[in-house]
Amino acid sequence: MVLLAFISGALLGASLLLDNPQMNIYQVGFLLLLGWSLLGYFFIASFSLYDGHIPADASWFSRVKHKLAKFFIRILTLIFVLMAAVTLYLTLRLISVFSS
């Protein structure tokens, strides 16, 4: 995902620097690819380290820490859903604007 975001960002930057009218049609695709790959990286990075299990004989501090981590994961999930909705909205708007 990071490599895909890096490549699309480099291609977007190159197409903006060259200012070639024939490259303008690719800028929207590069921008959308960059947005979706960064969103995918955010998803993978946010939820890969969470361990949802807690031992039965865990201490009070471990249980509180686990509940705080669960709360944090729920906030990250909400942020991810909002970012996905915004990215989808922007994708549809950009496709409709530049396809006509």
C-alpha atoms as a PDB file:
ATOM      1  CA  MET A   1       0.000   0.000   0.000  1.00  0.00           C
ATOM      2  CA  VAL A   2       2.779   2.424   0.859  1.00  0.00           C
ATOM      3  CA  LEU A   3       4.594   1.686  -2.379  1.00  0.00           C
ATOM      4  CA  LEU A   4       1.390   2.213  -4.350  1.00  0.00           C
ATOM      5  CA  ALA A   5       0.793   5.541  -2.575  1.00  0.00           C
ATOM      6  CA  PHE A   6       4.384   6.596  -3.210  1.00  0.00           C
ATOM      7  CA  ILE A   7       4.186   5.717  -6.905  1.00  0.00           C
ATOM      8  CA  SER A   8       0.851   7.475  -7.420  1.00  0.00           C
ATOM      9  CA  GLY A   9       2.095  10.534  -5.506  1.00  0.00           C
ATOM     10  CA  ALA A  10       5.251  10.660  -7.638  1.00  0.00           C
ATOM     11  CA  LEU A  11       3.253  10.311 -10.854  1.00  0.00           C
ATOM     12  CA  LEU A  12       0.813  12.989  -9.711  1.00  0.00           C
ATOM     13  CA  GLY A  13       3.686  15.308  -8.858  1.00  0.00           C
ATOM     14  CA  ALA A  14       5.383  14.642 -12.189  1.00  0.00           C
ATOM     15  CA  SER A  15       2.181  15.282 -14.130  1.00  0.00           C
ATOM     16  CA  LEU A  16       1.649  18.559 -12.237  1.00  0.00           C
ATOM     17  CA  LEU A  17       5.233  19.692 -12.814  1.00  0.00           C
ATOM     18  CA  LEU A  18       5.227  18.854 -16.527  1.00  0.00           C
ATOM     19  CA  ASP A  19       1.961  20.750 -17.087  1.00  0.00           C
ATOM     20  CA  ASN A  20       1.254  18.787 -20.228  1.00  0.00           C
ATOM     21  CA  PRO A  21      -2.415  18.965 -21.374  1.00  0.00           C
ATOM     22  CA  GLN A  22      -2.306  15.288 -22.338  1.00  0.00           C
ATOM     23  CA  MET A  23      -1.302  14.357 -18.761  1.00  0.00           C
ATOM     24  CA  ASN A  24      -4.260  16.210 -17.219  1.00  0.00           C
ATOM     25  CA  ILE A  25      -6.589  13.266 -17.763  1.00  0.00           C
ATOM     26  CA  TYR A  26      -4.336  11.053 -15.615  1.00  0.00           C
ATOM     27  CA  GLN A  27      -4.154  13.446 -12.659  1.00  0.00           C
ATOM     28  CA  VAL A  28      -7.598  12.514 -11.368  1.00  0.00           C
ATOM     29  CA  GLY A  29      -6.744   8.819 -11.501  1.00  0.00           C
ATOM     30  CA  PHE A  30      -3.452   9.394  -9.705  1.00  0.00           C
ATOM     31  CA  LEU A  31      -5.222  11.446  -7.049  1.00  0.00           C
ATOM     32  CA  LEU A  32      -7.870   8.773  -6.504  1.00  0.00           C
ATOM     33  CA  LEU A  33      -5.250   6.026  -6.378  1.00  0.00           C
ATOM     34  CA  LEU A  34      -3.289   8.027  -3.820  1.00  0.00           C
ATOM     35  CA  GLY A  35      -6.381   8.571  -1.655  1.00  0.00           C
ATOM     36  CA  TRP A  36      -7.524   4.961  -1.698  1.00  0.00           C
ATOM     37  CA  SER A  37      -4.048   3.543  -1.077  1.00  0.00           C
ATOM     38  CA  LEU A  38      -3.508   5.872   1.888  1.00  0.00           C
ATOM     39  CA  LEU A  39      -6.900   4.856   3.244  1.00  0.00           C
ATOM     40  CA  GLY A  40      -5.954   1.185   2.895  1.00  0.00           C
ATOM     41  CA  TYR A  41      -2.649   1.795   4.654  1.00  0.00           C
ATOM     42  CA  PHE A  42      -4.470   3.578   7.483  1.00  0.00           C
ATOM     43  CA  PHE A  43      -6.783   0.588   7.860  1.00  0.00           C
ATOM     44  CA  ILE A  44      -3.954  -1.946   7.958  1.00  0.00           C
ATOM     45  CA  ALA A  45      -1.757   0.102  10.284  1.00  0.00           C
ATOM     46  CA  SER A  46      -4.543   0.927  12.712  1.00  0.00           C
ATOM     47  CA  PHE A  47      -5.957  -2.517  13.307  1.00  0.00           C
ATOM     48  CA  SER A  48      -2.969  -4.828  12.895  1.00  0.00           C
ATOM     49  CA  LEU A  49      -1.564  -4.475  16.420  1.00  0.00           C
ATOM     50  CA  TYR A  50      -4.751  -4.906  18.424  1.00  0.00           C
ATOM     51  CA  ASP A  51      -5.111  -8.085  20.463  1.00  0.00           C
ATOM     52  CA  GLY A  52      -8.720  -8.508  21.533  1.00  0.00           C
ATOM     53  CA  HIS A  53      -8.163 -11.147  24.210  1.00  0.00           C
ATOM     54  CA  ILE A  54      -7.412 -10.563  27.871  1.00  0.00           C
ATOM     55  CA  PRO A  55      -6.484 -13.340  30.295  1.00  0.00           C
ATOM     56  CA  ALA A  56      -8.981 -14.251  33.008  1.00  0.00           C
ATOM     57  CA  ASP A  57      -6.493 -13.620  35.806  1.00  0.00           C
ATOM     58  CA  ALA A  58      -5.502 -10.149  34.580  1.00  0.00           C
ATOM     59  CA  SER A  59      -4.947  -7.374  37.077  1.00  0.00           C
ATOM     60  CA  TRP A  60      -7.195  -4.359  37.495  1.00  0.00           C
ATOM     61  CA  PHE A  61      -4.761  -2.108  35.615  1.00  0.00           C
ATOM     62  CA  SER A  62      -4.593  -4.559  32.704  1.00  0.00           C
ATOM     63  CA  ARG A  63      -8.374  -4.633  32.449  1.00  0.00           C
ATOM     64  CA  VAL A  64      -8.591  -0.831  32.458  1.00  0.00           C
ATOM     65  CA  LYS A  65      -5.830  -0.652  29.855  1.00  0.00           C
ATOM     66  CA  HIS A  66      -7.677  -3.200  27.721  1.00  0.00           C
ATOM     67  CA  LYS A  67     -10.938  -1.224  27.943  1.00  0.00           C
ATOM     68  CA  LEU A  68      -9.134   1.981  26.970  1.00  0.00           C
ATOM     69  CA  ALA A  69      -7.543   0.202  24.016  1.00  0.00           C
ATOM     70  CA  LYS A  70     -10.965  -1.088  22.967  1.00  0.00           C
ATOM     71  CA  PHE A  71     -12.375   2.439  23.188  1.00  0.00           C
ATOM     72  CA  PHE A  72      -9.470   3.752  21.104  1.00  0.00           C
ATOM     73  CA  ILE A  73     -10.047   1.052  18.469  1.00  0.00           C
ATOM     74  CA  ARG A  74     -13.722   2.031  18.258  1.00  0.00           C
ATOM     75  CA  ILE A  75     -12.749   5.666  17.713  1.00  0.00           C
ATOM     76  CA  LEU A  76     -10.305   4.572  14.989  1.00  0.00           C
ATOM     77  CA  THR A  77     -13.051   2.499  13.389  1.00  0.00           C
ATOM     78  CA  LEU A  78     -15.364   5.505  13.333  1.00  0.00           C
ATOM     79  CA  ILE A  79     -12.617   7.662  11.811  1.00  0.00           C
ATOM     80  CA  PHE A  80     -11.935   4.977   9.200  1.00  0.00           C
ATOM     81  CA  VAL A  81     -15.617   4.719   8.241  1.00  0.00           C
ATOM     82  CA  LEU A  82     -15.868   8.510   7.915  1.00  0.00           C
ATOM     83  CA  MET A  83     -12.685   8.653   5.830  1.00  0.00           C
ATOM     84  CA  ALA A  84     -13.956   5.863   3.579  1.00  0.00           C
ATOM     85  CA  ALA A  85     -17.254   7.705   3.073  1.00  0.00           C
ATOM     86  CA  VAL A  86     -15.460  10.961   2.246  1.00  0.00           C
ATOM     87  CA  THR A  87     -13.061   9.177  -0.119  1.00  0.00           C
ATOM     88  CA  LEU A  88     -15.961   7.435  -1.852  1.00  0.00           C
ATOM     89  CA  TYR A  89     -17.836  10.732  -2.173  1.00  0.00           C
ATOM     90  CA  LEU A  90     -14.778  12.457  -3.619  1.00  0.00           C
ATOM     91  CA  THR A  91     -14.206   9.552  -5.986  1.00  0.00           C
ATOM     92  CA  LEU A  92     -17.734   9.764  -7.351  1.00  0.00           C
ATOM     93  CA  ARG A  93     -17.588  13.569  -7.627  1.00  0.00           C
ATOM     94  CA  LEU A  94     -14.232  13.549  -9.407  1.00  0.00           C
ATOM     95  CA  ILE A  95     -15.306  10.831 -11.796  1.00  0.00           C
ATOM     96  CA  SER A  96     -18.540  12.639 -12.626  1.00  0.00           C
ATOM     97  CA  VAL A  97     -16.788  15.984 -13.108  1.00  0.00           C
ATOM     98  CA  PHE A  98     -13.953  14.733 -15.260  1.00  0.00           C
ATOM     99  CA  SER A  99     -15.886  12.155 -17.277  1.00  0.00           C
ATOM    100  CA  SER A 100     -18.198  14.721 -18.851  1.00  0.00           C
END
